[in-house]
C-alpha atoms as a PDB file:
ATOM      1  CA  UNK A   1     116.633 126.246  77.184  1.00  0.00           C
ATOM      2  CA  UNK A   2     113.120 127.643  77.258  1.00  0.00           C
ATOM      3  CA  UNK A   3     112.789 131.229  76.155  1.00  0.00           C
ATOM      4  CA  UNK A   4     109.181 132.062  76.963  1.00  0.00           C
ATOM      5  CA  UNK A   5     107.745 132.850  80.372  1.00  0.00           C
ATOM      6  CA  UNK A   6     105.143 130.118  80.140  1.00  0.00           C
ATOM      7  CA  UNK A   7     107.753 127.526  79.209  1.00  0.00           C
ATOM      8  CA  UNK A   8     110.013 128.562  82.087  1.00  0.00           C
ATOM      9  CA  UNK A   9     107.096 128.276  84.512  1.00  0.00           C
ATOM     10  CA  UNK A  10     106.194 124.892  83.009  1.00  0.00           C
ATOM     11  CA  UNK A  11     109.730 123.651  83.603  1.00  0.00           C
ATOM     12  CA  UNK A  12     109.555 124.711  87.265  1.00  0.00           C
ATOM     13  CA  UNK A  13     106.200 122.942  87.694  1.00  0.00           C
ATOM     14  CA  UNK A  14     107.428 119.779  85.992  1.00  0.00           C
ATOM     15  CA  UNK A  15     110.513 119.624  88.197  1.00  0.00           C
ATOM     16  CA  UNK A  16     108.435 119.952  91.387  1.00  0.00           C
ATOM     17  CA  UNK A  17     106.016 117.272  90.208  1.00  0.00           C
ATOM     18  CA  UNK A  18     108.828 114.957  89.176  1.00  0.00           C
ATOM     19  CA  UNK A  19     110.414 115.209  92.625  1.00  0.00           C
ATOM     20  CA  UNK A  20     107.065 114.589  94.339  1.00  0.00           C
ATOM     21  CA  UNK A  21     106.288 111.582  92.109  1.00  0.00           C
ATOM     22  CA  UNK A  22     109.752 110.123  92.645  1.00  0.00           C
ATOM     23  CA  UNK A  23     109.402 110.298  96.412  1.00  0.00           C
ATOM     24  CA  UNK A  24     105.961 108.707  96.327  1.00  0.00           C
ATOM     25  CA  UNK A  25     107.106 105.966  93.962  1.00  0.00           C
ATOM     26  CA  UNK A  26     110.077 105.213  96.188  1.00  0.00           C
ATOM     27  CA  UNK A  27     107.871 104.859  99.283  1.00  0.00           C
ATOM     28  CA  UNK A  28     105.538 102.662  97.278  1.00  0.00           C
ATOM     29  CA  UNK A  29     108.297 100.316  96.152  1.00  0.00           C
ATOM     30  CA  UNK A  30     109.633 100.066  99.695  1.00  0.00           C
ATOM     31  CA  UNK A  31     106.180  99.211 101.054  1.00  0.00           C
ATOM     32  CA  UNK A  32     105.613  96.502  98.442  1.00  0.00           C
ATOM     33  CA  UNK A  33     109.076  95.014  98.987  1.00  0.00           C
ATOM     34  CA  UNK A  34     108.546  94.993 102.756  1.00  0.00           C
ATOM     35  CA  UNK A  35     105.227  93.192 102.273  1.00  0.00           C
ATOM     36  CA  UNK A  36     106.794  90.560 100.033  1.00  0.00           C
ATOM     37  CA  UNK A  37     109.717  89.852 102.374  1.00  0.00           C
ATOM     38  CA  UNK A  38     107.870  90.103 105.704  1.00  0.00           C
ATOM     39  CA  UNK A  39     107.696  87.134 108.062  1.00  0.00           C
ATOM     40  CA  UNK A  40     104.471  85.172 108.148  1.00  0.00           C
ATOM     41  CA  UNK A  41     101.713  86.099 110.567  1.00  0.00           C
ATOM     42  CA  UNK A  42     100.619  89.470 111.871  1.00  0.00           C
ATOM     43  CA  UNK A  43     103.707  91.243 110.540  1.00  0.00           C
ATOM     44  CA  UNK A  44     103.009  90.150 106.984  1.00  0.00           C
ATOM     45  CA  UNK A  45      99.303  90.965 107.184  1.00  0.00           C
ATOM     46  CA  UNK A  46     100.133  94.460 108.423  1.00  0.00           C
ATOM     47  CA  UNK A  47     102.774  94.949 105.727  1.00  0.00           C
ATOM     48  CA  UNK A  48     100.339  93.907 102.985  1.00  0.00           C
ATOM     49  CA  UNK A  49      97.719  96.319 104.339  1.00  0.00           C
ATOM     50  CA  UNK A  50     100.272  99.172 104.326  1.00  0.00           C
ATOM     51  CA  UNK A  51     101.369  98.315 100.793  1.00  0.00           C
ATOM     52  CA  UNK A  52      97.726  98.296  99.682  1.00  0.00           C
ATOM     53  CA  UNK A  53      97.223 101.757 101.155  1.00  0.00           C
ATOM     54  CA  UNK A  54     100.396 102.984  99.442  1.00  0.00           C
ATOM     55  CA  UNK A  55      99.211 101.605  96.098  1.00  0.00           C
ATOM     56  CA  UNK A  56      95.813 103.271  96.494  1.00  0.00           C
ATOM     57  CA  UNK A  57      97.491 106.568  97.358  1.00  0.00           C
ATOM     58  CA  UNK A  58      99.725 106.334  94.276  1.00  0.00           C
ATOM     59  CA  UNK A  59      96.632 105.896  92.105  1.00  0.00           C
ATOM     60  CA  UNK A  60      94.936 108.872  93.757  1.00  0.00           C
ATOM     61  CA  UNK A  61      97.996 111.052  93.175  1.00  0.00           C
ATOM     62  CA  UNK A  62      98.265 109.957  89.550  1.00  0.00           C
ATOM     63  CA  UNK A  63     101.629 108.238  89.928  1.00  0.00           C
ATOM     64  CA  UNK A  64     100.342 104.822  88.906  1.00  0.00           C
ATOM     65  CA  UNK A  65      97.531 103.540  86.704  1.00  0.00           C
ATOM     66  CA  UNK A  66      94.643 102.019  88.632  1.00  0.00           C
ATOM     67  CA  UNK A  67      94.823  98.680  86.819  1.00  0.00           C
ATOM     68  CA  UNK A  68      98.526  98.370  87.607  1.00  0.00           C
ATOM     69  CA  UNK A  69      97.822  98.993  91.281  1.00  0.00           C
ATOM     70  CA  UNK A  70      94.934  96.519  91.229  1.00  0.00           C
ATOM     71  CA  UNK A  71      97.196  93.874  89.708  1.00  0.00           C
ATOM     72  CA  UNK A  72      99.871  94.436  92.352  1.00  0.00           C
ATOM     73  CA  UNK A  73      97.351  94.400  95.197  1.00  0.00           C
ATOM     74  CA  UNK A  74      95.924  91.155  93.829  1.00  0.00           C
ATOM     75  CA  UNK A  75      99.389  89.615  93.712  1.00  0.00           C
ATOM     76  CA  UNK A  76     100.094  90.638  97.301  1.00  0.00           C
ATOM     77  CA  UNK A  77      96.777  89.203  98.475  1.00  0.00           C
ATOM     78  CA  UNK A  78      97.417  85.944  96.625  1.00  0.00           C
ATOM     79  CA  UNK A  79     100.901  85.599  98.100  1.00  0.00           C
ATOM     80  CA  UNK A  80      99.491  86.271 101.573  1.00  0.00           C
ATOM     81  CA  UNK A  81      96.747  83.654 101.111  1.00  0.00           C
ATOM     82  CA  UNK A  82      99.201  81.091  99.741  1.00  0.00           C
ATOM     83  CA  UNK A  83     101.570  81.624 102.682  1.00  0.00           C
ATOM     84  CA  UNK A  84      98.852  80.779 105.221  1.00  0.00           C
END
């Protein structure tokens, strides 16, 4: 257990950030999964666009590295193009 004021504050901050990151990561995974399993057509195009926005937001918030997000967005776009 931390025994300095700064360490106790740090633990509180880390816990809040961890909860926030977990929620964002969960939404992100759901969006990507929805995009991958969506039916062809307008529904899939919309799902891929939402997943792309979610990936960009995760990068902005610092939850995911930008190259990882770029790779996932590229994969989604390729799967969408191949399905057409």
